[in-house]
All heavy atoms as atom14 arrays in JSON, in Angstrom:
{
  "sequence": "LRILAPAEYQGRMNGLYSGASGIGYFIINMAMVPVYDYFSALSDGQ",
  "atom14_mask": [
    [1, 1, 1, 1, 1, 1, 1, 1, 0, 0, 0, 0, 0, 0],
    [1, 1, 1, 1, 1, 1, 1, 1, 1, 1, 1, 0, 0, 0],
    [1, 1, 1, 1, 1, 1, 1, 1, 0, 0, 0, 0, 0, 0],
    [1, 1, 1, 1, 1, 1, 1, 1, 0, 0, 0, 0, 0, 0],
    [1, 1, 1, 1, 1, 0, 0, 0, 0, 0, 0, 0, 0, 0],
    [1, 1, 1, 1, 1, 1, 1, 0, 0, 0, 0, 0, 0, 0],
    [1, 1, 1, 1, 1, 0, 0, 0, 0, 0, 0, 0, 0, 0],
    [1, 1, 1, 1, 1, 1, 1, 1, 1, 0, 0, 0, 0, 0],
    [1, 1, 1, 1, 1, 1, 1, 1, 1, 1, 1, 1, 0, 0],
    [1, 1, 1, 1, 1, 1, 1, 1, 1, 0, 0, 0, 0, 0],
    [1, 1, 1, 1, 0, 0, 0, 0, 0, 0, 0, 0, 0, 0],
    [1, 1, 1, 1, 1, 1, 1, 1, 1, 1, 1, 0, 0, 0],
    [1, 1, 1, 1, 1, 1, 1, 1, 0, 0, 0, 0, 0, 0],
    [1, 1, 1, 1, 1, 1, 1, 1, 0, 0, 0, 0, 0, 0],
    [1, 1, 1, 1, 0, 0, 0, 0, 0, 0, 0, 0, 0, 0],
    [1, 1, 1, 1, 1, 1, 1, 1, 0, 0, 0, 0, 0, 0],
    [1, 1, 1, 1, 1, 1, 1, 1, 1, 1, 1, 1, 0, 0],
    [1, 1, 1, 1, 1, 1, 0, 0, 0, 0, 0, 0, 0, 0],
    [1, 1, 1, 1, 0, 0, 0, 0, 0, 0, 0, 0, 0, 0],
    [1, 1, 1, 1, 1, 0, 0, 0, 0, 0, 0, 0, 0, 0],
    [1, 1, 1, 1, 1, 1, 0, 0, 0, 0, 0, 0, 0, 0],
    [1, 1, 1, 1, 0, 0, 0, 0, 0, 0, 0, 0, 0, 0],
    [1, 1, 1, 1, 1, 1, 1, 1, 0, 0, 0, 0, 0, 0],
    [1, 1, 1, 1, 0, 0, 0, 0, 0, 0, 0, 0, 0, 0],
    [1, 1, 1, 1, 1, 1, 1, 1, 1, 1, 1, 1, 0, 0],
    [1, 1, 1, 1, 1, 1, 1, 1, 1, 1, 1, 0, 0, 0],
    [1, 1, 1, 1, 1, 1, 1, 1, 0, 0, 0, 0, 0, 0],
    [1, 1, 1, 1, 1, 1, 1, 1, 0, 0, 0, 0, 0, 0],
    [1, 1, 1, 1, 1, 1, 1, 1, 0, 0, 0, 0, 0, 0],
    [1, 1, 1, 1, 1, 1, 1, 1, 0, 0, 0, 0, 0, 0],
    [1, 1, 1, 1, 1, 0, 0, 0, 0, 0, 0, 0, 0, 0],
    [1, 1, 1, 1, 1, 1, 1, 1, 0, 0, 0, 0, 0, 0],
    [1, 1, 1, 1, 1, 1, 1, 0, 0, 0, 0, 0, 0, 0],
    [1, 1, 1, 1, 1, 1, 1, 0, 0, 0, 0, 0, 0, 0],
    [1, 1, 1, 1, 1, 1, 1, 0, 0, 0, 0, 0, 0, 0],
    [1, 1, 1, 1, 1, 1, 1, 1, 1, 1, 1, 1, 0, 0],
    [1, 1, 1, 1, 1, 1, 1, 1, 0, 0, 0, 0, 0, 0],
    [1, 1, 1, 1, 1, 1, 1, 1, 1, 1, 1, 1, 0, 0],
    [1, 1, 1, 1, 1, 1, 1, 1, 1, 1, 1, 0, 0, 0],
    [1, 1, 1, 1, 1, 1, 0, 0, 0, 0, 0, 0, 0, 0],
    [1, 1, 1, 1, 1, 0, 0, 0, 0, 0, 0, 0, 0, 0],
    [1, 1, 1, 1, 1, 1, 1, 1, 0, 0, 0, 0, 0, 0],
    [1, 1, 1, 1, 1, 1, 0, 0, 0, 0, 0, 0, 0, 0],
    [1, 1, 1, 1, 1, 1, 1, 1, 0, 0, 0, 0, 0, 0],
    [1, 1, 1, 1, 0, 0, 0, 0, 0, 0, 0, 0, 0, 0],
    [1, 1, 1, 1, 1, 1, 1, 1, 1, 0, 0, 0, 0, 0]
  ],
  "atom14_positions": [
    [[86.18, 141.84, 123.27], [86.37, 140.83, 124.35], [85.37, 139.7, 124.19], [85.71, 138.53, 124.47], [86.2, 141.51, 125.7], [87.21, 142.6, 126.08], [86.87, 143.2, 127.42], [88.62, 141.99, 126.13], [0.0, 0.0, 0.0], [0.0, 0.0, 0.0], [0.0, 0.0, 0.0], [0.0, 0.0, 0.0], [0.0, 0.0, 0.0], [0.0, 0.0, 0.0]],
    [[84.15, 140.04, 123.84], [83.08, 139.05, 123.77], [83.26, 138.1, 122.56], [82.92, 136.89, 122.68], [81.74, 139.74, 123.67], [80.56, 138.8, 123.86], [80.53, 138.19, 125.25], [79.41, 137.28, 125.42], [79.41, 136.01, 125.07], [80.48, 135.47, 124.56], [78.36, 135.25, 125.24], [0.0, 0.0, 0.0], [0.0, 0.0, 0.0], [0.0, 0.0, 0.0]],
    [[83.81, 138.56, 121.44], [84.0, 137.68, 120.3], [85.3, 136.93, 120.37], [85.51, 135.98, 119.59], [83.94, 138.47, 118.97], [85.15, 139.42, 118.82], [82.63, 139.21, 118.82], [85.16, 140.11, 117.51], [0.0, 0.0, 0.0], [0.0, 0.0, 0.0], [0.0, 0.0, 0.0], [0.0, 0.0, 0.0], [0.0, 0.0, 0.0], [0.0, 0.0, 0.0]],
    [[86.16, 137.27, 121.31], [87.43, 136.54, 121.45], [87.26, 135.28, 122.35], [88.15, 134.43, 122.33], [88.51, 137.44, 122.06], [89.11, 138.51, 121.12], [89.93, 139.52, 121.87], [89.89, 137.85, 119.99], [0.0, 0.0, 0.0], [0.0, 0.0, 0.0], [0.0, 0.0, 0.0], [0.0, 0.0, 0.0], [0.0, 0.0, 0.0], [0.0, 0.0, 0.0]],
    [[86.18, 135.2, 123.12], [86.0, 134.08, 124.03], [84.53, 133.89, 124.35], [83.76, 134.9, 124.36], [86.82, 134.26, 125.3], [0.0, 0.0, 0.0], [0.0, 0.0, 0.0], [0.0, 0.0, 0.0], [0.0, 0.0, 0.0], [0.0, 0.0, 0.0], [0.0, 0.0, 0.0], [0.0, 0.0, 0.0], [0.0, 0.0, 0.0], [0.0, 0.0, 0.0]],
    [[84.07, 132.65, 124.64], [82.66, 132.42, 124.97], [82.29, 132.97, 126.35], [83.14, 133.47, 127.11], [82.56, 130.88, 124.97], [83.96, 130.4, 125.23], [84.85, 131.4, 124.61], [0.0, 0.0, 0.0], [0.0, 0.0, 0.0], [0.0, 0.0, 0.0], [0.0, 0.0, 0.0], [0.0, 0.0, 0.0], [0.0, 0.0, 0.0], [0.0, 0.0, 0.0]],
    [[80.99, 132.87, 126.7], [80.45, 133.54, 127.89], [81.11, 133.08, 129.18], [81.36, 133.89, 130.08], [78.98, 133.29, 127.98], [0.0, 0.0, 0.0], [0.0, 0.0, 0.0], [0.0, 0.0, 0.0], [0.0, 0.0, 0.0], [0.0, 0.0, 0.0], [0.0, 0.0, 0.0], [0.0, 0.0, 0.0], [0.0, 0.0, 0.0], [0.0, 0.0, 0.0]],
    [[81.41, 131.8, 129.3], [81.98, 131.29, 130.55], [83.41, 131.75, 130.82], [83.94, 131.54, 131.91], [81.94, 129.77, 130.57], [82.69, 129.06, 129.48], [81.84, 128.75, 128.24], [80.81, 129.49, 128.06], [82.22, 127.84, 127.49], [0.0, 0.0, 0.0], [0.0, 0.0, 0.0], [0.0, 0.0, 0.0], [0.0, 0.0, 0.0], [0.0, 0.0, 0.0]],
    [[84.01, 132.45, 129.84], [85.35, 133.0, 130.02], [85.33, 134.49, 130.24], [86.41, 135.1, 130.34], [86.2, 132.68, 128.77], [86.77, 131.3, 128.71], [85.97, 130.22, 128.28], [88.1, 131.03, 129.06], [86.47, 128.93, 128.22], [88.61, 129.72, 129.01], [87.79, 128.7, 128.58], [88.3, 127.42, 128.53], [0.0, 0.0, 0.0], [0.0, 0.0, 0.0]],
    [[84.16, 135.11, 130.28], [84.1, 136.56, 130.29], [84.59, 137.22, 131.6], [85.05, 138.35, 131.61], [82.7, 137.04, 129.99], [82.32, 136.88, 128.5], [83.29, 137.56, 127.57], [83.5, 138.75, 127.65], [83.92, 136.79, 126.69], [0.0, 0.0, 0.0], [0.0, 0.0, 0.0], [0.0, 0.0, 0.0], [0.0, 0.0, 0.0], [0.0, 0.0, 0.0]],
    [[84.49, 136.49, 132.74], [85.08, 136.99, 133.96], [86.56, 137.18, 133.79], [87.13, 138.21, 134.11], [0.0, 0.0, 0.0], [0.0, 0.0, 0.0], [0.0, 0.0, 0.0], [0.0, 0.0, 0.0], [0.0, 0.0, 0.0], [0.0, 0.0, 0.0], [0.0, 0.0, 0.0], [0.0, 0.0, 0.0], [0.0, 0.0, 0.0], [0.0, 0.0, 0.0]],
    [[87.25, 136.15, 133.3], [88.68, 136.19, 133.06], [89.04, 137.24, 131.99], [90.0, 137.97, 132.1], [89.19, 134.83, 132.65], [89.6, 133.94, 133.79], [89.81, 132.5, 133.36], [88.5, 131.83, 133.15], [88.38, 130.56, 132.89], [89.47, 129.78, 132.8], [87.2, 129.98, 132.74], [0.0, 0.0, 0.0], [0.0, 0.0, 0.0], [0.0, 0.0, 0.0]],
    [[88.23, 137.26, 130.9], [88.52, 138.2, 129.78], [88.46, 139.63, 130.3], [89.37, 140.43, 130.04], [87.54, 137.98, 128.68], [87.67, 136.63, 127.96], [89.22, 136.46, 127.04], [88.86, 137.47, 125.6], [0.0, 0.0, 0.0], [0.0, 0.0, 0.0], [0.0, 0.0, 0.0], [0.0, 0.0, 0.0], [0.0, 0.0, 0.0], [0.0, 0.0, 0.0]],
    [[87.39, 139.97, 131.04], [87.26, 141.33, 131.55], [88.29, 141.64, 132.64], [88.79, 142.76, 132.76], [85.83, 141.54, 132.07], [84.84, 141.8, 130.95], [84.7, 142.89, 130.49], [84.16, 140.73, 130.53], [0.0, 0.0, 0.0], [0.0, 0.0, 0.0], [0.0, 0.0, 0.0], [0.0, 0.0, 0.0], [0.0, 0.0, 0.0], [0.0, 0.0, 0.0]],
    [[88.6, 140.62, 133.46], [89.6, 140.82, 134.48], [91.0, 141.02, 133.88], [91.74, 141.91, 134.28], [0.0, 0.0, 0.0], [0.0, 0.0, 0.0], [0.0, 0.0, 0.0], [0.0, 0.0, 0.0], [0.0, 0.0, 0.0], [0.0, 0.0, 0.0], [0.0, 0.0, 0.0], [0.0, 0.0, 0.0], [0.0, 0.0, 0.0], [0.0, 0.0, 0.0]],
    [[91.37, 140.23, 132.86], [92.64, 140.38, 132.22], [92.72, 141.69, 131.45], [93.76, 142.38, 131.47], [92.88, 139.2, 131.25], [93.2, 137.85, 131.89], [93.11, 136.73, 130.84], [94.55, 137.84, 132.6], [0.0, 0.0, 0.0], [0.0, 0.0, 0.0], [0.0, 0.0, 0.0], [0.0, 0.0, 0.0], [0.0, 0.0, 0.0], [0.0, 0.0, 0.0]],
    [[91.64, 142.04, 130.77], [91.58, 143.33, 130.06], [91.75, 144.48, 131.03], [92.59, 145.39, 130.79], [90.25, 143.43, 129.32], [89.7, 144.84, 129.21], [90.22, 145.73, 128.24], [88.68, 145.29, 130.04], [89.77, 146.99, 128.14], [88.19, 146.56, 129.91], [88.73, 147.39, 128.98], [88.23, 148.7, 128.87], [0.0, 0.0, 0.0], [0.0, 0.0, 0.0]],
    [[91.05, 144.44, 132.14], [91.14, 145.54, 133.11], [92.5, 145.57, 133.78], [93.04, 146.63, 134.05], [90.02, 145.37, 134.15], [89.95, 146.51, 135.0], [0.0, 0.0, 0.0], [0.0, 0.0, 0.0], [0.0, 0.0, 0.0], [0.0, 0.0, 0.0], [0.0, 0.0, 0.0], [0.0, 0.0, 0.0], [0.0, 0.0, 0.0], [0.0, 0.0, 0.0]],
    [[93.05, 144.33, 134.06], [94.38, 144.29, 134.62], [95.45, 144.83, 133.67], [96.36, 145.57, 134.1], [0.0, 0.0, 0.0], [0.0, 0.0, 0.0], [0.0, 0.0, 0.0], [0.0, 0.0, 0.0], [0.0, 0.0, 0.0], [0.0, 0.0, 0.0], [0.0, 0.0, 0.0], [0.0, 0.0, 0.0], [0.0, 0.0, 0.0], [0.0, 0.0, 0.0]],
    [[95.29, 144.5, 132.4], [96.24, 145.03, 131.38], [96.11, 146.54, 131.29], [97.09, 147.29, 131.14], [95.98, 144.41, 130.01], [0.0, 0.0, 0.0], [0.0, 0.0, 0.0], [0.0, 0.0, 0.0], [0.0, 0.0, 0.0], [0.0, 0.0, 0.0], [0.0, 0.0, 0.0], [0.0, 0.0, 0.0], [0.0, 0.0, 0.0], [0.0, 0.0, 0.0]],
    [[94.85, 147.03, 131.4], [94.65, 148.49, 131.42], [95.35, 149.09, 132.61], [96.01, 150.16, 132.51], [93.14, 148.79, 131.51], [92.47, 148.35, 130.37], [0.0, 0.0, 0.0], [0.0, 0.0, 0.0], [0.0, 0.0, 0.0], [0.0, 0.0, 0.0], [0.0, 0.0, 0.0], [0.0, 0.0, 0.0], [0.0, 0.0, 0.0], [0.0, 0.0, 0.0]],
    [[95.2, 148.5, 133.79], [95.83, 149.0, 135.0], [97.34, 149.05, 134.88], [98.01, 150.01, 135.26], [0.0, 0.0, 0.0], [0.0, 0.0, 0.0], [0.0, 0.0, 0.0], [0.0, 0.0, 0.0], [0.0, 0.0, 0.0], [0.0, 0.0, 0.0], [0.0, 0.0, 0.0], [0.0, 0.0, 0.0], [0.0, 0.0, 0.0], [0.0, 0.0, 0.0]],
    [[97.92, 147.99, 134.29], [99.37, 147.94, 134.08], [99.79, 149.03, 133.11], [100.8, 149.72, 133.32], [99.8, 146.55, 133.59], [99.63, 145.5, 134.67], [101.29, 146.58, 133.12], [99.81, 144.09, 134.2], [0.0, 0.0, 0.0], [0.0, 0.0, 0.0], [0.0, 0.0, 0.0], [0.0, 0.0, 0.0], [0.0, 0.0, 0.0], [0.0, 0.0, 0.0]],
    [[99.01, 149.2, 132.03], [99.31, 150.22, 131.08], [99.21, 151.62, 131.68], [100.09, 152.44, 131.51], [0.0, 0.0, 0.0], [0.0, 0.0, 0.0], [0.0, 0.0, 0.0], [0.0, 0.0, 0.0], [0.0, 0.0, 0.0], [0.0, 0.0, 0.0], [0.0, 0.0, 0.0], [0.0, 0.0, 0.0], [0.0, 0.0, 0.0], [0.0, 0.0, 0.0]],
    [[98.14, 151.85, 132.45], [98.01, 153.14, 133.15], [99.19, 153.38, 134.07], [99.74, 154.48, 134.1], [96.73, 153.11, 134.01], [95.42, 153.33, 133.3], [94.38, 152.44, 133.43], [95.2, 154.47, 132.48], [93.16, 152.63, 132.75], [94.03, 154.66, 131.86], [92.99, 153.76, 132.03], [91.82, 153.95, 131.4], [0.0, 0.0, 0.0], [0.0, 0.0, 0.0]],
    [[99.55, 152.36, 134.82], [100.64, 152.47, 135.81], [101.97, 152.84, 135.13], [102.63, 153.8, 135.49], [100.78, 151.17, 136.58], [101.88, 151.2, 137.63], [101.67, 151.87, 138.84], [103.06, 150.6, 137.39], [102.65, 151.89, 139.79], [104.09, 150.66, 138.34], [103.86, 151.27, 139.54], [0.0, 0.0, 0.0], [0.0, 0.0, 0.0], [0.0, 0.0, 0.0]],
    [[102.35, 152.05, 134.11], [103.63, 152.23, 133.43], [103.67, 153.59, 132.75], [104.62, 154.39, 132.86], [103.9, 151.1, 132.45], [104.1, 149.79, 133.18], [105.13, 151.43, 131.57], [104.19, 148.58, 132.23], [0.0, 0.0, 0.0], [0.0, 0.0, 0.0], [0.0, 0.0, 0.0], [0.0, 0.0, 0.0], [0.0, 0.0, 0.0], [0.0, 0.0, 0.0]],
    [[102.56, 153.91, 131.99], [102.56, 155.16, 131.23], [102.62, 156.38, 132.14], [103.36, 157.32, 131.93], [101.29, 155.2, 130.35], [101.39, 154.16, 129.24], [101.11, 156.6, 129.73], [100.05, 153.86, 128.53], [0.0, 0.0, 0.0], [0.0, 0.0, 0.0], [0.0, 0.0, 0.0], [0.0, 0.0, 0.0], [0.0, 0.0, 0.0], [0.0, 0.0, 0.0]],
    [[101.79, 156.35, 133.2], [101.75, 157.49, 134.08], [102.99, 157.65, 134.94], [103.46, 158.78, 135.2], [100.48, 157.42, 134.98], [99.26, 157.84, 134.27], [98.89, 159.01, 134.2], [98.54, 156.86, 133.72], [0.0, 0.0, 0.0], [0.0, 0.0, 0.0], [0.0, 0.0, 0.0], [0.0, 0.0, 0.0], [0.0, 0.0, 0.0], [0.0, 0.0, 0.0]],
    [[103.59, 156.53, 135.31], [104.86, 156.58, 136.06], [105.94, 157.15, 135.15], [106.81, 157.9, 135.59], [105.26, 155.21, 136.6], [104.42, 154.75, 137.77], [104.52, 155.83, 139.2], [106.19, 155.52, 139.74], [0.0, 0.0, 0.0], [0.0, 0.0, 0.0], [0.0, 0.0, 0.0], [0.0, 0.0, 0.0], [0.0, 0.0, 0.0], [0.0, 0.0, 0.0]],
    [[105.89, 156.76, 133.88], [106.89, 157.3, 132.89], [106.68, 158.78, 132.7], [107.64, 159.52, 132.42], [106.75, 156.57, 131.57], [0.0, 0.0, 0.0], [0.0, 0.0, 0.0], [0.0, 0.0, 0.0], [0.0, 0.0, 0.0], [0.0, 0.0, 0.0], [0.0, 0.0, 0.0], [0.0, 0.0, 0.0], [0.0, 0.0, 0.0], [0.0, 0.0, 0.0]],
    [[105.45, 159.24, 132.89], [105.16, 160.65, 132.69], [105.59, 161.52, 133.87], [105.79, 162.72, 133.72], [103.63, 160.84, 132.47], [103.16, 160.51, 131.08], [103.94, 161.56, 129.84], [105.41, 160.66, 129.43], [0.0, 0.0, 0.0], [0.0, 0.0, 0.0], [0.0, 0.0, 0.0], [0.0, 0.0, 0.0], [0.0, 0.0, 0.0], [0.0, 0.0, 0.0]],
    [[105.77, 160.91, 135.04], [106.15, 161.7, 136.24], [107.46, 162.44, 136.01], [107.56, 163.63, 136.19], [106.22, 160.81, 137.48], [106.81, 161.59, 138.66], [104.82, 160.35, 137.84], [0.0, 0.0, 0.0], [0.0, 0.0, 0.0], [0.0, 0.0, 0.0], [0.0, 0.0, 0.0], [0.0, 0.0, 0.0], [0.0, 0.0, 0.0], [0.0, 0.0, 0.0]],
    [[108.54, 161.72, 135.58], [109.8, 162.47, 135.38], [109.73, 163.44, 134.21], [110.38, 164.51, 134.2], [110.86, 161.35, 135.09], [110.04, 160.17, 134.69], [108.76, 160.27, 135.41], [0.0, 0.0, 0.0], [0.0, 0.0, 0.0], [0.0, 0.0, 0.0], [0.0, 0.0, 0.0], [0.0, 0.0, 0.0], [0.0, 0.0, 0.0], [0.0, 0.0, 0.0]],
    [[108.96, 163.09, 133.16], [108.81, 164.0, 132.03], [108.09, 165.27, 132.49], [108.53, 166.4, 132.21], [107.94, 163.35, 130.92], [107.62, 164.35, 129.81], [108.7, 162.14, 130.34], [0.0, 0.0, 0.0], [0.0, 0.0, 0.0], [0.0, 0.0, 0.0], [0.0, 0.0, 0.0], [0.0, 0.0, 0.0], [0.0, 0.0, 0.0], [0.0, 0.0, 0.0]],
    [[107.0, 165.07, 133.24], [106.27, 166.25, 133.77], [107.13, 167.03, 134.72], [107.19, 168.25, 134.68], [105.0, 165.76, 134.48], [104.23, 166.84, 135.21], [103.36, 167.66, 134.53], [104.41, 167.08, 136.58], [102.66, 168.67, 135.16], [103.72, 168.06, 137.23], [102.86, 168.86, 136.52], [102.15, 169.84, 137.17], [0.0, 0.0, 0.0], [0.0, 0.0, 0.0]],
    [[107.85, 166.33, 135.59], [108.7, 166.98, 136.61], [109.8, 167.81, 135.94], [110.12, 168.93, 136.35], [109.32, 165.93, 137.52], [109.84, 166.52, 138.81], [109.12, 167.38, 139.37], [110.92, 166.1, 139.26], [0.0, 0.0, 0.0], [0.0, 0.0, 0.0], [0.0, 0.0, 0.0], [0.0, 0.0, 0.0], [0.0, 0.0, 0.0], [0.0, 0.0, 0.0]],
    [[110.37, 167.28, 134.83], [111.47, 167.95, 134.15], [110.97, 169.27, 133.5], [111.55, 170.35, 133.69], [112.06, 167.05, 133.07], [113.17, 167.7, 132.27], [114.47, 167.81, 132.77], [112.89, 168.2, 130.98], [115.46, 168.42, 132.02], [113.91, 168.81, 130.23], [115.17, 168.93, 130.76], [116.16, 169.52, 130.0], [0.0, 0.0, 0.0], [0.0, 0.0, 0.0]],
    [[109.87, 169.17, 132.74], [109.39, 170.35, 132.04], [108.64, 171.31, 132.94], [108.52, 172.51, 132.65], [108.49, 169.9, 130.87], [109.27, 169.37, 129.69], [109.45, 168.01, 129.54], [109.8, 170.23, 128.75], [110.17, 167.47, 128.5], [110.5, 169.72, 127.68], [110.69, 168.36, 127.55], [0.0, 0.0, 0.0], [0.0, 0.0, 0.0], [0.0, 0.0, 0.0]],
    [[108.13, 170.81, 134.08], [107.43, 171.7, 135.01], [108.39, 172.62, 135.76], [107.95, 173.5, 136.48], [106.61, 170.89, 136.0], [107.44, 170.1, 136.83], [0.0, 0.0, 0.0], [0.0, 0.0, 0.0], [0.0, 0.0, 0.0], [0.0, 0.0, 0.0], [0.0, 0.0, 0.0], [0.0, 0.0, 0.0], [0.0, 0.0, 0.0], [0.0, 0.0, 0.0]],
    [[109.71, 172.41, 135.57], [110.67, 173.33, 136.11], [110.49, 174.71, 135.49], [110.75, 175.74, 136.1], [112.12, 172.82, 135.87], [0.0, 0.0, 0.0], [0.0, 0.0, 0.0], [0.0, 0.0, 0.0], [0.0, 0.0, 0.0], [0.0, 0.0, 0.0], [0.0, 0.0, 0.0], [0.0, 0.0, 0.0], [0.0, 0.0, 0.0], [0.0, 0.0, 0.0]],
    [[110.01, 174.7, 134.22], [109.65, 175.97, 133.55], [108.3, 176.45, 134.06], [108.17, 177.58, 134.41], [109.61, 175.73, 132.01], [110.92, 175.27, 131.35], [110.71, 174.92, 129.91], [111.99, 176.35, 131.54], [0.0, 0.0, 0.0], [0.0, 0.0, 0.0], [0.0, 0.0, 0.0], [0.0, 0.0, 0.0], [0.0, 0.0, 0.0], [0.0, 0.0, 0.0]],
    [[107.32, 175.56, 134.04], [106.0, 175.82, 134.63], [105.21, 174.53, 134.58], [105.52, 173.61, 133.78], [105.27, 176.88, 133.81], [104.85, 176.4, 132.53], [0.0, 0.0, 0.0], [0.0, 0.0, 0.0], [0.0, 0.0, 0.0], [0.0, 0.0, 0.0], [0.0, 0.0, 0.0], [0.0, 0.0, 0.0], [0.0, 0.0, 0.0], [0.0, 0.0, 0.0]],
    [[104.17, 174.4, 135.4], [103.31, 173.2, 135.38], [102.63, 173.08, 134.01], [102.36, 171.95, 133.55], [102.3, 173.29, 136.49], [102.91, 173.01, 137.9], [103.8, 172.15, 137.95], [102.5, 173.66, 138.84], [0.0, 0.0, 0.0], [0.0, 0.0, 0.0], [0.0, 0.0, 0.0], [0.0, 0.0, 0.0], [0.0, 0.0, 0.0], [0.0, 0.0, 0.0]],
    [[102.34, 174.21, 133.4], [101.71, 174.16, 132.1], [102.59, 173.53, 131.03], [102.14, 172.77, 130.19], [0.0, 0.0, 0.0], [0.0, 0.0, 0.0], [0.0, 0.0, 0.0], [0.0, 0.0, 0.0], [0.0, 0.0, 0.0], [0.0, 0.0, 0.0], [0.0, 0.0, 0.0], [0.0, 0.0, 0.0], [0.0, 0.0, 0.0], [0.0, 0.0, 0.0]],
    [[103.88, 173.87, 131.07], [104.83, 173.27, 130.08], [104.96, 171.77, 130.36], [105.13, 170.98, 129.44], [106.19, 173.97, 130.21], [106.22, 175.35, 129.67], [105.88, 175.4, 128.18], [106.3, 174.57, 127.38], [105.08, 176.4, 127.8], [0.0, 0.0, 0.0], [0.0, 0.0, 0.0], [0.0, 0.0, 0.0], [0.0, 0.0, 0.0], [0.0, 0.0, 0.0]]
  ]
}
């Protein structure tokens, strides 16, 4: 993040990075809910 932009852009860089992380977390984990729900019919471990 630091080598991609100078110091005065680091608020935005870290905010965008963290926002992208949040979106990634959200999409991935939401996608996992039906997967987990389907296989947890056998057991939560599965």
